[in-house]
Amino acid sequence: MSLTASEVMTSAEVAEWLRETVKTVEAWARAGRIPGHKIGKRWKFIHSEVEEALLAAPGGPQRP
């Protein structure tokens, strides 16, 4: 799988896209509610993985 820079998102970009806080997005990733990749101290997200997880989840992710 080859990714482009536009497909890899930061916590802040995911938070803006989902209209949530960065804290909530990172909590969802830690809990496994959305797929994320921890690289050092930072979270990275692949847009298509997050989108697929949200579409598959009944009612979407729940607040921590």
Protein backbone atom coordinates (compact mmCIF):
# COMPACT_ATOMS: atom_id res chain seq x y z
CA MET A 1 0.00 0.00 0.00
CA SER A 2 1.44 3.33 -1.04
CA LEU A 3 0.21 6.41 0.81
CA THR A 4 0.33 10.02 -0.21
CA ALA A 5 0.87 12.87 2.23
CA SER A 6 -2.77 13.91 1.88
CA GLU A 7 -3.96 10.50 3.12
CA VAL A 8 -1.98 10.69 6.37
CA MET A 9 -3.60 12.96 8.92
CA THR A 10 -2.59 14.41 12.27
CA SER A 11 -4.78 14.33 15.38
CA ALA A 12 -5.67 17.97 14.76
CA GLU A 13 -6.72 17.30 11.17
CA VAL A 14 -8.90 14.35 12.22
CA ALA A 15 -10.40 16.44 15.02
CA GLU A 16 -11.28 19.23 12.59
CA TRP A 17 -12.74 16.74 10.09
CA LEU A 18 -14.88 15.05 12.76
CA ARG A 19 -15.65 18.31 14.61
CA GLU A 20 -14.23 16.91 17.83
CA THR A 21 -11.35 17.88 20.08
CA VAL A 22 -7.83 16.54 19.64
CA LYS A 23 -8.14 15.03 23.12
CA THR A 24 -11.26 13.08 22.10
CA VAL A 25 -9.70 11.83 18.84
CA GLU A 26 -6.60 10.59 20.66
CA ALA A 27 -8.72 8.95 23.37
CA TRP A 28 -10.72 7.12 20.69
CA ALA A 29 -7.46 5.94 19.10
CA ARG A 30 -6.04 4.74 22.44
CA ALA A 31 -9.29 2.85 23.11
CA GLY A 32 -9.28 1.31 19.62
CA ARG A 33 -12.50 3.04 18.57
CA ILE A 34 -10.77 4.53 15.54
CA PRO A 35 -7.59 3.21 13.91
CA GLY A 36 -4.50 5.26 14.59
CA HIS A 37 -0.75 4.78 14.53
CA LYS A 38 1.40 6.08 17.38
CA ILE A 39 4.74 7.28 16.07
CA GLY A 40 6.86 8.44 18.97
CA LYS A 41 4.61 10.74 20.96
CA ARG A 42 2.39 11.66 18.01
CA TRP A 43 -0.67 9.99 16.53
CA LYS A 44 -1.04 9.60 12.78
CA PHE A 45 -4.21 8.51 11.03
CA ILE A 46 -4.92 7.19 7.56
CA HIS A 47 -8.03 8.90 6.24
CA SER A 48 -9.50 5.81 4.56
CA GLU A 49 -9.00 3.64 7.67
CA VAL A 50 -10.77 6.15 9.91
CA GLU A 51 -13.56 6.63 7.38
CA GLU A 52 -14.12 2.87 7.08
CA ALA A 53 -14.19 2.44 10.87
CA LEU A 54 -16.71 5.25 11.27
CA LEU A 55 -18.98 3.91 8.55
CA ALA A 56 -18.85 0.39 10.02
CA ALA A 57 -19.53 1.47 13.61
CA PRO A 58 -23.20 1.49 14.62
CA GLY A 59 -23.81 5.05 15.74
CA GLY A 60 -20.15 5.97 15.30
CA PRO A 61 -17.55 6.22 18.07
CA GLN A 62 -18.77 6.88 21.59
CA ARG A 63 -17.27 9.55 23.81
CA PRO A 64 -14.70 8.23 26.31
